[in-house]
Amino acid sequence: MTSVASVLERRFITLEDVRKVLSISNSQAYALVRSGDLRAIQIGGRCQWRIEAAELEAYIQRSYFEPCPDS
């Protein structure tokens, strides 16, 4: 099992890693990327999403100051 700390030591992480760090579902992680709220790149022949760990941290910091849409 991969710890959150070891995940964030890598430059690029997967949507599964994002899901684990934020404790959200796969569909929620995918929605963050597709909406542009969490910047990501697609790589490889299957165009798999990768998120720079710094982008995830920036998203987390922005989230402290932005209210949820339904609040």
PDB file of N, CA and C in Angstrom:
ATOM      1  N   MET A   1       0.834  -1.176   0.000  1.00  0.00           N
ATOM      2  CA  MET A   1       0.000   0.000   0.000  1.00  0.00           C
ATOM      3  C   MET A   1       0.882   1.244   0.000  1.00  0.00           C
ATOM      4  N   THR A   2       0.521   2.217  -0.826  1.00  0.00           N
ATOM      5  CA  THR A   2       1.298   3.441  -0.965  1.00  0.00           C
ATOM      6  C   THR A   2       0.786   4.491   0.005  1.00  0.00           C
ATOM      7  N   SER A   3       1.688   5.105   0.757  1.00  0.00           N
ATOM      8  CA  SER A   3       1.270   6.151   1.689  1.00  0.00           C
ATOM      9  C   SER A   3       1.100   7.475   0.954  1.00  0.00           C
ATOM     10  N   VAL A   4       0.293   8.349   1.525  1.00  0.00           N
ATOM     11  CA  VAL A   4       0.068   9.669   0.941  1.00  0.00           C
ATOM     12  C   VAL A   4       1.384  10.421   0.835  1.00  0.00           C
ATOM     13  N   ALA A   5       2.226  10.321   1.837  1.00  0.00           N
ATOM     14  CA  ALA A   5       3.510  11.022   1.821  1.00  0.00           C
ATOM     15  C   ALA A   5       4.381  10.565   0.657  1.00  0.00           C
ATOM     16  N   SER A   6       4.436   9.260   0.400  1.00  0.00           N
ATOM     17  CA  SER A   6       5.269   8.781  -0.706  1.00  0.00           C
ATOM     18  C   SER A   6       4.672   9.163  -2.054  1.00  0.00           C
ATOM     19  N   VAL A   7       3.352   9.254  -2.130  1.00  0.00           N
ATOM     20  CA  VAL A   7       2.700   9.706  -3.368  1.00  0.00           C
ATOM     21  C   VAL A   7       3.131  11.127  -3.687  1.00  0.00           C
ATOM     22  N   LEU A   8       3.098  11.994  -2.707  1.00  0.00           N
ATOM     23  CA  LEU A   8       3.392  13.401  -2.936  1.00  0.00           C
ATOM     24  C   LEU A   8       4.872  13.692  -3.137  1.00  0.00           C
ATOM     25  N   GLU A   9       5.726  12.699  -2.924  1.00  0.00           N
ATOM     26  CA  GLU A   9       7.154  12.864  -3.197  1.00  0.00           C
ATOM     27  C   GLU A   9       7.449  12.756  -4.693  1.00  0.00           C
ATOM     28  N   ARG A  10       6.529  12.152  -5.461  1.00  0.00           N
ATOM     29  CA  ARG A  10       6.700  12.023  -6.908  1.00  0.00           C
ATOM     30  C   ARG A  10       6.263  13.317  -7.589  1.00  0.00           C
ATOM     31  N   ARG A  11       6.813  13.608  -8.752  1.00  0.00           N
ATOM     32  CA  ARG A  11       6.420  14.819  -9.474  1.00  0.00           C
ATOM     33  C   ARG A  11       5.017  14.677 -10.052  1.00  0.00           C
ATOM     34  N   PHE A  12       4.734  13.534 -10.685  1.00  0.00           N
ATOM     35  CA  PHE A  12       3.427  13.306 -11.284  1.00  0.00           C
ATOM     36  C   PHE A  12       2.728  12.161 -10.580  1.00  0.00           C
ATOM     37  N   ILE A  13       1.428  12.333 -10.379  1.00  0.00           N
ATOM     38  CA  ILE A  13       0.629  11.314  -9.716  1.00  0.00           C
ATOM     39  C   ILE A  13      -0.586  10.977 -10.586  1.00  0.00           C
ATOM     40  N   THR A  14      -1.237   9.880 -10.293  1.00  0.00           N
ATOM     41  CA  THR A  14      -2.386   9.415 -11.058  1.00  0.00           C
ATOM     42  C   THR A  14      -3.684   9.934 -10.441  1.00  0.00           C
ATOM     43  N   LEU A  15      -4.785   9.757 -11.175  1.00  0.00           N
ATOM     44  CA  LEU A  15      -6.096  10.099 -10.619  1.00  0.00           C
ATOM     45  C   LEU A  15      -6.396   9.242  -9.393  1.00  0.00           C
ATOM     46  N   GLU A  16      -5.942   8.015  -9.398  1.00  0.00           N
ATOM     47  CA  GLU A  16      -6.133   7.145  -8.230  1.00  0.00           C
ATOM     48  C   GLU A  16      -5.415   7.729  -7.014  1.00  0.00           C
ATOM     49  N   ASP A  17      -4.214   8.268  -7.232  1.00  0.00           N
ATOM     50  CA  ASP A  17      -3.489   8.911  -6.134  1.00  0.00           C
ATOM     51  C   ASP A  17      -4.253  10.127  -5.621  1.00  0.00           C
ATOM     52  N   VAL A  18      -4.791  10.926  -6.537  1.00  0.00           N
ATOM     53  CA  VAL A  18      -5.586  12.103  -6.156  1.00  0.00           C
ATOM     54  C   VAL A  18      -6.777  11.660  -5.319  1.00  0.00           C
ATOM     55  N   ARG A  19      -7.433  10.607  -5.776  1.00  0.00           N
ATOM     56  CA  ARG A  19      -8.588  10.080  -5.059  1.00  0.00           C
ATOM     57  C   ARG A  19      -8.222   9.713  -3.620  1.00  0.00           C
ATOM     58  N   LYS A  20      -7.086   9.054  -3.456  1.00  0.00           N
ATOM     59  CA  LYS A  20      -6.646   8.646  -2.121  1.00  0.00           C
ATOM     60  C   LYS A  20      -6.297   9.848  -1.246  1.00  0.00           C
ATOM     61  N   VAL A  21      -5.562  10.802  -1.806  1.00  0.00           N
ATOM     62  CA  VAL A  21      -5.130  11.968  -1.026  1.00  0.00           C
ATOM     63  C   VAL A  21      -6.331  12.775  -0.557  1.00  0.00           C
ATOM     64  N   LEU A  22      -7.314  12.982  -1.443  1.00  0.00           N
ATOM     65  CA  LEU A  22      -8.472  13.809  -1.112  1.00  0.00           C
ATOM     66  C   LEU A  22      -9.627  13.014  -0.500  1.00  0.00           C
ATOM     67  N   SER A  23      -9.497  11.698  -0.450  1.00  0.00           N
ATOM     68  CA  SER A  23     -10.561  10.819   0.056  1.00  0.00           C
ATOM     69  C   SER A  23     -11.874  11.060  -0.685  1.00  0.00           C
ATOM     70  N   ILE A  24     -11.805  10.974  -2.019  1.00  0.00           N
ATOM     71  CA  ILE A  24     -12.973  11.163  -2.873  1.00  0.00           C
ATOM     72  C   ILE A  24     -13.117   9.967  -3.803  1.00  0.00           C
ATOM     73  N   SER A  25     -14.228   9.902  -4.513  1.00  0.00           N
ATOM     74  CA  SER A  25     -14.463   8.800  -5.440  1.00  0.00           C
ATOM     75  C   SER A  25     -13.684   8.998  -6.734  1.00  0.00           C
ATOM     76  N   ASN A  26     -13.602   7.929  -7.528  1.00  0.00           N
ATOM     77  CA  ASN A  26     -12.946   8.008  -8.830  1.00  0.00           C
ATOM     78  C   ASN A  26     -13.639   9.033  -9.719  1.00  0.00           C
ATOM     79  N   SER A  27     -14.969   9.024  -9.717  1.00  0.00           N
ATOM     80  CA  SER A  27     -15.705   9.954 -10.572  1.00  0.00           C
ATOM     81  C   SER A  27     -15.502  11.402 -10.128  1.00  0.00           C
ATOM     82  N   GLN A  28     -15.376  11.641  -8.838  1.00  0.00           N
ATOM     83  CA  GLN A  28     -15.114  12.996  -8.357  1.00  0.00           C
ATOM     84  C   GLN A  28     -13.718  13.463  -8.783  1.00  0.00           C
ATOM     85  N   ALA A  29     -12.728  12.590  -8.712  1.00  0.00           N
ATOM     86  CA  ALA A  29     -11.369  12.947  -9.127  1.00  0.00           C
ATOM     87  C   ALA A  29     -11.348  13.265 -10.620  1.00  0.00           C
ATOM     88  N   TYR A  30     -12.016  12.446 -11.408  1.00  0.00           N
ATOM     89  CA  TYR A  30     -12.086  12.657 -12.854  1.00  0.00           C
ATOM     90  C   TYR A  30     -12.794  13.975 -13.155  1.00  0.00           C
ATOM     91  N   ALA A  31     -13.862  14.269 -12.441  1.00  0.00           N
ATOM     92  CA  ALA A  31     -14.615  15.508 -12.653  1.00  0.00           C
ATOM     93  C   ALA A  31     -13.761  16.737 -12.349  1.00  0.00           C
ATOM     94  N   LEU A  32     -12.913  16.671 -11.345  1.00  0.00           N
ATOM     95  CA  LEU A  32     -12.027  17.795 -11.023  1.00  0.00           C
ATOM     96  C   LEU A  32     -11.103  18.111 -12.194  1.00  0.00           C
ATOM     97  N   VAL A  33     -10.593  17.069 -12.832  1.00  0.00           N
ATOM     98  CA  VAL A  33      -9.687  17.249 -13.969  1.00  0.00           C
ATOM     99  C   VAL A  33     -10.456  17.726 -15.196  1.00  0.00           C
ATOM    100  N   ARG A  34     -11.567  17.080 -15.502  1.00  0.00           N
ATOM    101  CA  ARG A  34     -12.339  17.435 -16.694  1.00  0.00           C
ATOM    102  C   ARG A  34     -12.877  18.864 -16.619  1.00  0.00           C
ATOM    103  N   SER A  35     -13.208  19.336 -15.432  1.00  0.00           N
ATOM    104  CA  SER A  35     -13.731  20.694 -15.274  1.00  0.00           C
ATOM    105  C   SER A  35     -12.637  21.753 -15.340  1.00  0.00           C
ATOM    106  N   GLY A  36     -11.381  21.329 -15.188  1.00  0.00           N
ATOM    107  CA  GLY A  36     -10.274  22.274 -15.175  1.00  0.00           C
ATOM    108  C   GLY A  36      -9.943  22.795 -13.788  1.00  0.00           C
ATOM    109  N   ASP A  37     -10.704  22.364 -12.782  1.00  0.00           N
ATOM    110  CA  ASP A  37     -10.410  22.786 -11.411  1.00  0.00           C
ATOM    111  C   ASP A  37      -9.049  22.275 -10.950  1.00  0.00           C
ATOM    112  N   LEU A  38      -8.689  21.093 -11.421  1.00  0.00           N
ATOM    113  CA  LEU A  38      -7.390  20.495 -11.117  1.00  0.00           C
ATOM    114  C   LEU A  38      -6.671  20.286 -12.439  1.00  0.00           C
ATOM    115  N   ARG A  39      -5.605  21.047 -12.658  1.00  0.00           N
ATOM    116  CA  ARG A  39      -4.868  20.970 -13.926  1.00  0.00           C
ATOM    117  C   ARG A  39      -4.146  19.642 -14.039  1.00  0.00           C
ATOM    118  N   ALA A  40      -4.196  19.061 -15.250  1.00  0.00           N
ATOM    119  CA  ALA A  40      -3.580  17.762 -15.491  1.00  0.00           C
ATOM    120  C   ALA A  40      -3.164  17.666 -16.952  1.00  0.00           C
ATOM    121  N   ILE A  41      -2.340  16.656 -17.228  1.00  0.00           N
ATOM    122  CA  ILE A  41      -1.932  16.381 -18.602  1.00  0.00           C
ATOM    123  C   ILE A  41      -2.334  14.951 -18.941  1.00  0.00           C
ATOM    124  N   GLN A  42      -2.468  14.679 -20.240  1.00  0.00           N
ATOM    125  CA  GLN A  42      -2.710  13.318 -20.688  1.00  0.00           C
ATOM    126  C   GLN A  42      -1.464  12.824 -21.398  1.00  0.00           C
ATOM    127  N   ILE A  43      -1.038  11.594 -21.053  1.00  0.00           N
ATOM    128  CA  ILE A  43       0.183  11.043 -21.628  1.00  0.00           C
ATOM    129  C   ILE A  43      -0.054   9.623 -22.111  1.00  0.00           C
ATOM    130  N   GLY A  44       0.833   9.160 -22.956  1.00  0.00           N
ATOM    131  CA  GLY A  44       0.820   7.781 -23.414  1.00  0.00           C
ATOM    132  C   GLY A  44      -0.222   7.506 -24.473  1.00  0.00           C
ATOM    133  N   GLY A  45      -0.156   6.313 -25.025  1.00  0.00           N
ATOM    134  CA  GLY A  45      -1.066   5.888 -26.077  1.00  0.00           C
ATOM    135  C   GLY A  45      -2.513   5.833 -25.630  1.00  0.00           C
ATOM    136  N   ARG A  46      -2.733   5.603 -24.356  1.00  0.00           N
ATOM    137  CA  ARG A  46      -4.099   5.534 -23.829  1.00  0.00           C
ATOM    138  C   ARG A  46      -4.534   6.860 -23.218  1.00  0.00           C
ATOM    139  N   CYS A  47      -3.694   7.879 -23.354  1.00  0.00           N
ATOM    140  CA  CYS A  47      -4.012   9.236 -22.853  1.00  0.00           C
ATOM    141  C   CYS A  47      -4.447   9.221 -21.383  1.00  0.00           C
ATOM    142  N   GLN A  48      -3.645   8.615 -20.556  1.00  0.00           N
ATOM    143  CA  GLN A  48      -3.962   8.563 -19.135  1.00  0.00           C
ATOM    144  C   GLN A  48      -3.616   9.896 -18.474  1.00  0.00           C
ATOM    145  N   TRP A  49      -4.446  10.306 -17.528  1.00  0.00           N
ATOM    146  CA  TRP A  49      -4.248  11.569 -16.832  1.00  0.00           C
ATOM    147  C   TRP A  49      -3.114  11.465 -15.826  1.00  0.00           C
ATOM    148  N   ARG A  50      -2.306  12.523 -15.759  1.00  0.00           N
ATOM    149  CA  ARG A  50      -1.287  12.674 -14.729  1.00  0.00           C
ATOM    150  C   ARG A  50      -1.386  14.090 -14.175  1.00  0.00           C
ATOM    151  N   ILE A  51      -1.243  14.192 -12.874  1.00  0.00           N
ATOM    152  CA  ILE A  51      -1.354  15.474 -12.192  1.00  0.00           C
ATOM    153  C   ILE A  51      -0.034  15.743 -11.497  1.00  0.00           C
ATOM    154  N   GLU A  52       0.489  16.932 -11.696  1.00  0.00           N
ATOM    155  CA  GLU A  52       1.716  17.299 -11.000  1.00  0.00           C
ATOM    156  C   GLU A  52       1.373  17.490  -9.520  1.00  0.00           C
ATOM    157  N   ALA A  53       2.181  16.932  -8.641  1.00  0.00           N
ATOM    158  CA  ALA A  53       1.919  17.021  -7.204  1.00  0.00           C
ATOM    159  C   ALA A  53       1.759  18.477  -6.769  1.00  0.00           C
ATOM    160  N   ALA A  54       2.521  19.382  -7.375  1.00  0.00           N
ATOM    161  CA  ALA A  54       2.414  20.807  -7.041  1.00  0.00           C
ATOM    162  C   ALA A  54       1.041  21.364  -7.431  1.00  0.00           C
ATOM    163  N   GLU A  55       0.455  20.842  -8.518  1.00  0.00           N
ATOM    164  CA  GLU A  55      -0.886  21.274  -8.932  1.00  0.00           C
ATOM    165  C   GLU A  55      -1.939  20.806  -7.933  1.00  0.00           C
ATOM    166  N   LEU A  56      -1.775  19.592  -7.426  1.00  0.00           N
ATOM    167  CA  LEU A  56      -2.706  19.107  -6.409  1.00  0.00           C
ATOM    168  C   LEU A  56      -2.604  19.968  -5.160  1.00  0.00           C
ATOM    169  N   GLU A  57      -1.402  20.300  -4.754  1.00  0.00           N
ATOM    170  CA  GLU A  57      -1.219  21.148  -3.575  1.00  0.00           C
ATOM    171  C   GLU A  57      -1.836  22.529  -3.802  1.00  0.00           C
ATOM    172  N   ALA A  58      -1.657  23.088  -4.997  1.00  0.00           N
ATOM    173  CA  ALA A  58      -2.244  24.392  -5.318  1.00  0.00           C
ATOM    174  C   ALA A  58      -3.772  24.316  -5.279  1.00  0.00           C
ATOM    175  N   TYR A  59      -4.344  23.226  -5.790  1.00  0.00           N
ATOM    176  CA  TYR A  59      -5.784  23.040  -5.743  1.00  0.00           C
ATOM    177  C   TYR A  59      -6.270  23.012  -4.289  1.00  0.00           C
ATOM    178  N   ILE A  60      -5.567  22.287  -3.453  1.00  0.00           N
ATOM    179  CA  ILE A  60      -5.939  22.198  -2.031  1.00  0.00           C
ATOM    180  C   ILE A  60      -5.899  23.581  -1.390  1.00  0.00           C
ATOM    181  N   GLN A  61      -4.841  24.341  -1.654  1.00  0.00           N
ATOM    182  CA  GLN A  61      -4.729  25.684  -1.069  1.00  0.00           C
ATOM    183  C   GLN A  61      -5.853  26.598  -1.553  1.00  0.00           C
ATOM    184  N   ARG A  62      -6.181  26.544  -2.854  1.00  0.00           N
ATOM    185  CA  ARG A  62      -7.292  27.358  -3.381  1.00  0.00           C
ATOM    186  C   ARG A  62      -8.612  26.978  -2.737  1.00  0.00           C
ATOM    187  N   SER A  63      -8.779  25.716  -2.440  1.00  0.00           N
ATOM    188  CA  SER A  63     -10.040  25.215  -1.900  1.00  0.00           C
ATOM    189  C   SER A  63     -10.331  25.762  -0.504  1.00  0.00           C
ATOM    190  N   TYR A  64      -9.319  26.150   0.214  1.00  0.00           N
ATOM    191  CA  TYR A  64      -9.534  26.730   1.538  1.00  0.00           C
ATOM    192  C   TYR A  64     -10.269  28.067   1.447  1.00  0.00           C
ATOM    193  N   PHE A  65     -10.141  28.739   0.318  1.00  0.00           N
ATOM    194  CA  PHE A  65     -10.687  30.073   0.177  1.00  0.00           C
ATOM    195  C   PHE A  65     -11.933  30.138  -0.693  1.00  0.00           C
ATOM    196  N   GLU A  66     -12.281  29.022  -1.346  1.00  0.00           N
ATOM    197  CA  GLU A  66     -13.452  28.994  -2.226  1.00  0.00           C
ATOM    198  C   GLU A  66     -14.566  28.199  -1.567  1.00  0.00           C
ATOM    199  N   PRO A  67     -15.747  28.795  -1.432  1.00  0.00           N
ATOM    200  CA  PRO A  67     -16.861  28.034  -0.845  1.00  0.00           C
ATOM    201  C   PRO A  67     -17.363  26.979  -1.807  1.00  0.00           C
ATOM    202  N   CYS A  68     -17.948  25.920  -1.286  1.00  0.00           N
ATOM    203  CA  CYS A  68     -18.580  24.900  -2.129  1.00  0.00           C
ATOM    204  C   CYS A  68     -19.743  25.539  -2.870  1.00  0.00           C
ATOM    205  N   PRO A  69     -20.024  25.090  -4.085  1.00  0.00           N
ATOM    206  CA  PRO A  69     -21.111  25.673  -4.877  1.00  0.00           C
ATOM    207  C   PRO A  69     -22.476  25.607  -4.189  1.00  0.00           C
ATOM    208  N   ASP A  70     -22.699  24.583  -3.381  1.00  0.00           N
ATOM    209  CA  ASP A  70     -24.016  24.424  -2.761  1.00  0.00           C
ATOM    210  C   ASP A  70     -24.088  24.976  -1.344  1.00  0.00           C
ATOM    211  N   SER A  71     -23.110  25.789  -0.936  1.00  0.00           N
ATOM    212  CA  SER A  71     -23.165  26.341   0.425  1.00  0.00           C
ATOM    213  C   SER A  71     -23.534  27.807   0.410  1.00  0.00           C
TER     214      SER A  71
END
